[in-house]
Amino acid sequence: PASLAAVASVASLSLASLALAGCGNTPPSVDAFTVTAPVKGADGNYSMTATLTVSDADQDKIPRVELSATGPAAVPTQSLTIPGGAAGTYPIKLTLAGNAPAGTYTLSAVAYDEPGGASAAKTATFTLP
């Protein structure tokens, strides 16, 4: 009976190890993030286009990306929905008020997958004249 208990204990440890092996979530990745130079439009606002490329090694859907910015003026974080959560490259139109303070701004993009994993932030900069 003592040797049977020892075998059961070893089997239990082995099964626990098998159950845990390979589990977990690989977070998504922001592979590329660029932004064009701002252009002041006829409406007086600045517009630019960002290009964002996201992927997920374990094929989880990526339902959203959060964009935040630092610079001479406060820019609130924006949450963007990715249609269908598909990995790929997406253009994003950005608009800043024409009275935004001049200076260099840094945009950060963080992607989130369905299990809740977050990518490392990828940054891009632009300068308002």
N, C-alpha and C. Protein backbone atom coordinates (compact mmCIF):
# COMPACT_ATOMS: atom_id res chain seq x y z
N PRO A 1 0.81 -1.19 0.00
CA PRO A 1 0.00 0.00 0.00
C PRO A 1 0.86 1.27 0.00
N ALA A 2 1.99 1.27 0.71
CA ALA A 2 2.82 2.47 0.75
C ALA A 2 3.41 2.75 -0.63
N SER A 3 3.82 1.70 -1.37
CA SER A 3 4.38 1.93 -2.69
C SER A 3 3.30 2.37 -3.68
N LEU A 4 2.08 1.92 -3.53
CA LEU A 4 0.97 2.35 -4.37
C LEU A 4 0.68 3.84 -4.17
N ALA A 5 0.74 4.30 -2.92
CA ALA A 5 0.53 5.72 -2.63
C ALA A 5 1.64 6.56 -3.27
N ALA A 6 2.87 6.06 -3.24
CA ALA A 6 3.99 6.79 -3.84
C ALA A 6 3.79 6.89 -5.36
N VAL A 7 3.33 5.82 -6.00
CA VAL A 7 3.08 5.84 -7.44
C VAL A 7 1.96 6.83 -7.77
N ALA A 8 0.90 6.84 -6.99
CA ALA A 8 -0.20 7.76 -7.21
C ALA A 8 0.26 9.20 -7.07
N SER A 9 1.13 9.45 -6.09
CA SER A 9 1.65 10.80 -5.88
C SER A 9 2.49 11.25 -7.06
N VAL A 10 3.35 10.37 -7.58
CA VAL A 10 4.18 10.70 -8.74
C VAL A 10 3.29 10.95 -9.96
N ALA A 11 2.28 10.11 -10.15
CA ALA A 11 1.38 10.28 -11.29
C ALA A 11 0.65 11.61 -11.20
N SER A 12 0.25 11.98 -9.99
CA SER A 12 -0.46 13.24 -9.80
C SER A 12 0.44 14.43 -10.16
N LEU A 13 1.70 14.37 -9.74
CA LEU A 13 2.63 15.45 -10.07
C LEU A 13 2.86 15.52 -11.58
N SER A 14 2.97 14.39 -12.21
CA SER A 14 3.21 14.36 -13.64
C SER A 14 2.03 14.96 -14.40
N LEU A 15 0.82 14.61 -14.00
CA LEU A 15 -0.36 15.15 -14.67
C LEU A 15 -0.48 16.65 -14.45
N ALA A 16 -0.13 17.11 -13.26
CA ALA A 16 -0.18 18.55 -13.00
C ALA A 16 0.81 19.28 -13.91
N SER A 17 1.98 18.69 -14.11
CA SER A 17 2.97 19.31 -14.98
C SER A 17 2.47 19.33 -16.42
N LEU A 18 1.83 18.26 -16.87
CA LEU A 18 1.31 18.23 -18.22
C LEU A 18 0.22 19.27 -18.42
N ALA A 19 -0.61 19.46 -17.41
CA ALA A 19 -1.70 20.42 -17.53
C ALA A 19 -1.17 21.84 -17.63
N LEU A 20 -0.03 22.12 -17.02
CA LEU A 20 0.49 23.48 -17.01
C LEU A 20 1.42 23.77 -18.18
N ALA A 21 1.99 22.75 -18.77
CA ALA A 21 2.94 22.97 -19.86
C ALA A 21 2.21 23.61 -21.05
N GLY A 22 2.76 24.67 -21.58
CA GLY A 22 2.21 25.31 -22.76
C GLY A 22 1.02 26.21 -22.51
N CYS A 23 0.60 26.32 -21.25
CA CYS A 23 -0.52 27.20 -20.93
C CYS A 23 -0.03 28.63 -20.87
N GLY A 24 -0.95 29.52 -20.91
CA GLY A 24 -0.59 30.93 -20.81
C GLY A 24 -0.91 31.66 -22.09
N ASN A 25 -0.69 32.93 -22.05
CA ASN A 25 -1.03 33.77 -23.18
C ASN A 25 0.22 34.51 -23.64
N THR A 26 0.48 34.48 -24.91
CA THR A 26 1.52 35.31 -25.48
C THR A 26 0.86 36.62 -25.85
N PRO A 27 1.34 37.73 -25.29
CA PRO A 27 0.67 39.00 -25.58
C PRO A 27 0.82 39.40 -27.05
N PRO A 28 -0.07 40.27 -27.51
CA PRO A 28 0.04 40.74 -28.90
C PRO A 28 1.26 41.63 -29.06
N SER A 29 1.48 42.07 -30.27
CA SER A 29 2.63 42.94 -30.56
C SER A 29 2.19 44.09 -31.46
N VAL A 30 2.70 45.27 -31.17
CA VAL A 30 2.58 46.39 -32.10
C VAL A 30 3.89 46.36 -32.87
N ASP A 31 3.83 45.86 -34.10
CA ASP A 31 5.04 45.62 -34.90
C ASP A 31 5.57 46.90 -35.53
N ALA A 32 4.69 47.81 -35.88
CA ALA A 32 5.11 49.08 -36.49
C ALA A 32 4.09 50.15 -36.15
N PHE A 33 4.58 51.36 -35.97
CA PHE A 33 3.71 52.49 -35.66
C PHE A 33 4.41 53.75 -36.17
N THR A 34 3.82 54.39 -37.17
CA THR A 34 4.40 55.61 -37.74
C THR A 34 3.31 56.67 -37.83
N VAL A 35 3.74 57.92 -37.92
CA VAL A 35 2.79 59.03 -38.06
C VAL A 35 3.38 60.05 -39.03
N THR A 36 2.51 60.60 -39.88
CA THR A 36 2.95 61.61 -40.84
C THR A 36 3.08 62.95 -40.13
N ALA A 37 3.77 63.89 -40.77
CA ALA A 37 3.89 65.25 -40.23
C ALA A 37 2.51 65.90 -40.25
N PRO A 38 2.20 66.68 -39.23
CA PRO A 38 0.89 67.34 -39.19
C PRO A 38 0.77 68.43 -40.25
N VAL A 39 -0.44 68.55 -40.80
CA VAL A 39 -0.75 69.57 -41.80
C VAL A 39 -1.95 70.35 -41.28
N LYS A 40 -1.85 71.67 -41.31
CA LYS A 40 -2.97 72.49 -40.85
C LYS A 40 -3.95 72.65 -42.00
N GLY A 41 -5.19 72.25 -41.76
CA GLY A 41 -6.21 72.28 -42.80
C GLY A 41 -6.95 73.60 -42.85
N ALA A 42 -7.86 73.70 -43.82
CA ALA A 42 -8.67 74.90 -44.00
C ALA A 42 -9.54 75.16 -42.78
N ASP A 43 -9.88 74.11 -42.03
CA ASP A 43 -10.70 74.27 -40.82
C ASP A 43 -9.88 74.76 -39.63
N GLY A 44 -8.56 74.92 -39.82
CA GLY A 44 -7.69 75.40 -38.76
C GLY A 44 -7.12 74.31 -37.86
N ASN A 45 -7.56 73.08 -38.04
CA ASN A 45 -7.07 71.96 -37.23
C ASN A 45 -5.91 71.26 -37.92
N TYR A 46 -5.10 70.58 -37.12
CA TYR A 46 -4.00 69.78 -37.66
C TYR A 46 -4.49 68.37 -37.93
N SER A 47 -4.11 67.82 -39.06
CA SER A 47 -4.45 66.42 -39.34
C SER A 47 -3.18 65.68 -39.74
N MET A 48 -3.18 64.41 -39.45
CA MET A 48 -2.08 63.52 -39.80
C MET A 48 -2.62 62.10 -39.86
N THR A 49 -1.83 61.22 -40.43
CA THR A 49 -2.23 59.81 -40.52
C THR A 49 -1.18 58.96 -39.84
N ALA A 50 -1.65 58.08 -38.96
CA ALA A 50 -0.78 57.09 -38.34
C ALA A 50 -1.03 55.76 -39.03
N THR A 51 -0.01 54.93 -39.08
CA THR A 51 -0.15 53.57 -39.59
C THR A 51 0.30 52.62 -38.49
N LEU A 52 -0.55 51.66 -38.19
CA LEU A 52 -0.34 50.74 -37.07
C LEU A 52 -0.39 49.30 -37.58
N THR A 53 0.61 48.50 -37.24
CA THR A 53 0.61 47.08 -37.59
C THR A 53 0.64 46.27 -36.30
N VAL A 54 -0.36 45.37 -36.14
CA VAL A 54 -0.46 44.55 -34.94
C VAL A 54 -0.49 43.07 -35.31
N SER A 55 0.02 42.23 -34.40
CA SER A 55 -0.01 40.78 -34.61
C SER A 55 -0.11 40.09 -33.25
N ASP A 56 -0.39 38.80 -33.28
CA ASP A 56 -0.45 38.00 -32.07
C ASP A 56 0.06 36.60 -32.39
N ALA A 57 1.18 36.23 -31.79
CA ALA A 57 1.85 34.96 -32.10
C ALA A 57 0.98 33.75 -31.83
N ASP A 58 0.11 33.80 -30.82
CA ASP A 58 -0.74 32.64 -30.54
C ASP A 58 -2.14 32.79 -31.14
N GLN A 59 -2.26 33.69 -32.13
CA GLN A 59 -3.47 33.84 -32.95
C GLN A 59 -4.72 34.30 -32.19
N ASP A 60 -4.54 34.90 -31.00
CA ASP A 60 -5.70 35.47 -30.32
C ASP A 60 -6.18 36.70 -31.09
N LYS A 61 -7.45 36.99 -31.00
CA LYS A 61 -7.96 38.21 -31.60
C LYS A 61 -7.46 39.41 -30.82
N ILE A 62 -7.30 40.53 -31.52
CA ILE A 62 -6.81 41.78 -30.93
C ILE A 62 -7.95 42.79 -31.06
N PRO A 63 -8.85 42.84 -30.08
CA PRO A 63 -10.04 43.69 -30.23
C PRO A 63 -9.80 45.19 -30.09
N ARG A 64 -8.68 45.57 -29.44
CA ARG A 64 -8.50 47.02 -29.27
C ARG A 64 -7.04 47.41 -29.14
N VAL A 65 -6.82 48.69 -29.46
CA VAL A 65 -5.53 49.33 -29.31
C VAL A 65 -5.78 50.64 -28.57
N GLU A 66 -4.94 50.96 -27.62
CA GLU A 66 -5.05 52.24 -26.94
C GLU A 66 -3.93 53.15 -27.38
N LEU A 67 -4.30 54.38 -27.75
CA LEU A 67 -3.33 55.40 -28.13
C LEU A 67 -3.30 56.45 -27.03
N SER A 68 -2.10 56.79 -26.61
CA SER A 68 -1.93 57.87 -25.64
C SER A 68 -0.83 58.77 -26.17
N ALA A 69 -0.75 59.98 -25.61
CA ALA A 69 0.25 60.93 -26.08
C ALA A 69 0.79 61.75 -24.93
N THR A 70 2.03 62.13 -25.06
CA THR A 70 2.64 63.08 -24.14
C THR A 70 3.21 64.22 -24.98
N GLY A 71 3.27 65.37 -24.40
CA GLY A 71 3.79 66.53 -25.10
C GLY A 71 3.40 67.81 -24.40
N PRO A 72 3.47 68.93 -25.11
CA PRO A 72 3.17 70.22 -24.51
C PRO A 72 1.72 70.38 -24.03
N ALA A 73 0.81 69.60 -24.55
CA ALA A 73 -0.60 69.67 -24.12
C ALA A 73 -1.07 68.28 -23.73
N ALA A 74 -2.04 68.24 -22.84
CA ALA A 74 -2.64 66.97 -22.44
C ALA A 74 -3.47 66.41 -23.59
N VAL A 75 -3.27 65.15 -23.91
CA VAL A 75 -4.03 64.47 -24.95
C VAL A 75 -4.63 63.23 -24.29
N PRO A 76 -5.96 63.13 -24.22
CA PRO A 76 -6.56 61.98 -23.55
C PRO A 76 -6.30 60.67 -24.30
N THR A 77 -6.20 59.58 -23.54
CA THR A 77 -6.03 58.25 -24.14
C THR A 77 -7.28 57.90 -24.93
N GLN A 78 -7.07 57.34 -26.11
CA GLN A 78 -8.17 56.92 -26.98
C GLN A 78 -8.10 55.41 -27.16
N SER A 79 -9.23 54.75 -27.04
CA SER A 79 -9.31 53.31 -27.28
C SER A 79 -9.93 53.09 -28.66
N LEU A 80 -9.21 52.37 -29.50
CA LEU A 80 -9.67 52.09 -30.86
C LEU A 80 -10.05 50.62 -30.99
N THR A 81 -11.17 50.36 -31.64
CA THR A 81 -11.62 48.99 -31.87
C THR A 81 -11.06 48.51 -33.20
N ILE A 82 -10.49 47.31 -33.20
CA ILE A 82 -9.99 46.71 -34.44
C ILE A 82 -11.10 45.82 -34.99
N PRO A 83 -11.59 46.09 -36.21
CA PRO A 83 -12.68 45.31 -36.78
C PRO A 83 -12.35 43.82 -36.83
N GLY A 84 -13.16 43.01 -36.17
CA GLY A 84 -12.97 41.57 -36.16
C GLY A 84 -11.78 41.11 -35.36
N GLY A 85 -11.03 42.03 -34.76
CA GLY A 85 -9.86 41.67 -33.95
C GLY A 85 -8.73 41.07 -34.75
N ALA A 86 -8.71 41.32 -36.05
CA ALA A 86 -7.73 40.69 -36.94
C ALA A 86 -6.37 41.38 -36.89
N ALA A 87 -5.33 40.59 -36.90
CA ALA A 87 -3.98 41.14 -37.04
C ALA A 87 -3.88 41.79 -38.41
N GLY A 88 -3.05 42.82 -38.52
CA GLY A 88 -2.89 43.48 -39.81
C GLY A 88 -2.38 44.89 -39.65
N THR A 89 -2.46 45.64 -40.75
CA THR A 89 -2.01 47.03 -40.78
C THR A 89 -3.22 47.93 -40.96
N TYR A 90 -3.30 48.97 -40.13
CA TYR A 90 -4.46 49.84 -40.12
C TYR A 90 -4.04 51.31 -40.19
N PRO A 91 -4.70 52.10 -41.06
CA PRO A 91 -4.47 53.55 -41.06
C PRO A 91 -5.38 54.20 -40.01
N ILE A 92 -4.88 55.21 -39.36
CA ILE A 92 -5.65 55.93 -38.34
C ILE A 92 -5.54 57.42 -38.63
N LYS A 93 -6.68 58.09 -38.81
CA LYS A 93 -6.68 59.54 -39.02
C LYS A 93 -6.67 60.22 -37.66
N LEU A 94 -5.72 61.12 -37.48
CA LEU A 94 -5.59 61.85 -36.22
C LEU A 94 -5.85 63.33 -36.48
N THR A 95 -6.55 63.97 -35.56
CA THR A 95 -6.82 65.41 -35.67
C THR A 95 -6.52 66.06 -34.33
N LEU A 96 -5.80 67.17 -34.38
CA LEU A 96 -5.55 67.98 -33.19
C LEU A 96 -6.10 69.37 -33.43
N ALA A 97 -6.58 69.99 -32.38
CA ALA A 97 -7.11 71.34 -32.49
C ALA A 97 -6.02 72.29 -32.99
N GLY A 98 -6.43 73.25 -33.80
CA GLY A 98 -5.49 74.21 -34.37
C GLY A 98 -4.78 75.06 -33.33
N ASN A 99 -5.34 75.15 -32.13
CA ASN A 99 -4.70 75.94 -31.08
C ASN A 99 -3.85 75.08 -30.14
N ALA A 100 -3.58 73.83 -30.50
CA ALA A 100 -2.71 72.97 -29.68
C ALA A 100 -1.32 73.60 -29.60
N PRO A 101 -0.69 73.55 -28.45
CA PRO A 101 0.63 74.16 -28.29
C PRO A 101 1.67 73.52 -29.21
N ALA A 102 2.57 74.37 -29.72
CA ALA A 102 3.67 73.88 -30.55
C ALA A 102 4.60 73.01 -29.72
N GLY A 103 5.30 72.12 -30.39
CA GLY A 103 6.27 71.27 -29.71
C GLY A 103 6.21 69.84 -30.20
N THR A 104 7.03 69.01 -29.58
CA THR A 104 7.12 67.60 -29.95
C THR A 104 6.19 66.76 -29.08
N TYR A 105 5.43 65.92 -29.73
CA TYR A 105 4.52 65.00 -29.06
C TYR A 105 4.97 63.57 -29.33
N THR A 106 4.78 62.71 -28.36
CA THR A 106 5.08 61.28 -28.53
C THR A 106 3.79 60.50 -28.37
N LEU A 107 3.41 59.78 -29.42
CA LEU A 107 2.25 58.89 -29.37
C LEU A 107 2.71 57.51 -28.96
N SER A 108 1.93 56.83 -28.16
CA SER A 108 2.20 55.44 -27.77
C SER A 108 1.01 54.58 -28.14
N ALA A 109 1.28 53.40 -28.70
CA ALA A 109 0.22 52.45 -29.04
C ALA A 109 0.44 51.16 -28.26
N VAL A 110 -0.61 50.66 -27.63
CA VAL A 110 -0.57 49.39 -26.90
C VAL A 110 -1.75 48.56 -27.39
N ALA A 111 -1.47 47.33 -27.84
CA ALA A 111 -2.52 46.42 -28.32
C ALA A 111 -2.91 45.46 -27.20
N TYR A 112 -4.19 45.09 -27.19
CA TYR A 112 -4.72 44.15 -26.19
C TYR A 112 -5.38 42.99 -26.90
N ASP A 113 -5.08 41.75 -26.46
CA ASP A 113 -5.74 40.59 -27.05
C ASP A 113 -6.92 40.16 -26.17
N GLU A 114 -7.73 39.21 -26.68
CA GLU A 114 -8.93 38.78 -25.97
C GLU A 114 -8.65 38.23 -24.57
N PRO A 115 -7.56 37.44 -24.37
CA PRO A 115 -7.31 36.96 -23.01
C PRO A 115 -6.83 38.06 -22.05
N GLY A 116 -6.60 39.28 -22.54
CA GLY A 116 -6.21 40.38 -21.67
C GLY A 116 -4.73 40.73 -21.71
N GLY A 117 -3.96 40.06 -22.56
CA GLY A 117 -2.54 40.39 -22.68
C GLY A 117 -2.35 41.74 -23.34
N ALA A 118 -1.34 42.46 -22.90
CA ALA A 118 -1.03 43.78 -23.46
C ALA A 118 0.35 43.75 -24.10
N SER A 119 0.48 44.40 -25.24
CA SER A 119 1.77 44.50 -25.91
C SER A 119 2.65 45.53 -25.19
N ALA A 120 3.91 45.51 -25.53
CA ALA A 120 4.78 46.61 -25.13
C ALA A 120 4.35 47.83 -25.94
N ALA A 121 4.55 49.00 -25.40
CA ALA A 121 4.19 50.22 -26.12
C ALA A 121 5.16 50.46 -27.28
N LYS A 122 4.61 50.87 -28.40
CA LYS A 122 5.41 51.29 -29.56
C LYS A 122 5.11 52.78 -29.73
N THR A 123 6.17 53.58 -29.96
CA THR A 123 5.97 55.02 -30.02
C THR A 123 6.29 55.60 -31.39
N ALA A 124 5.70 56.76 -31.63
CA ALA A 124 5.97 57.55 -32.83
C ALA A 124 5.89 59.02 -32.39
N THR A 125 6.69 59.87 -33.01
CA THR A 125 6.68 61.27 -32.62
C THR A 125 6.29 62.17 -33.78
N PHE A 126 5.77 63.34 -33.45
CA PHE A 126 5.48 64.37 -34.43
C PHE A 126 5.69 65.72 -33.76
N THR A 127 5.91 66.74 -34.56
CA THR A 127 6.14 68.07 -34.03
C THR A 127 5.13 69.05 -34.64
N LEU A 128 4.45 69.80 -33.77
CA LEU A 128 3.58 70.86 -34.22
C LEU A 128 4.41 72.14 -34.30
N PRO A 129 4.27 72.88 -35.40
CA PRO A 129 5.06 74.12 -35.53
C PRO A 129 4.57 75.21 -34.58
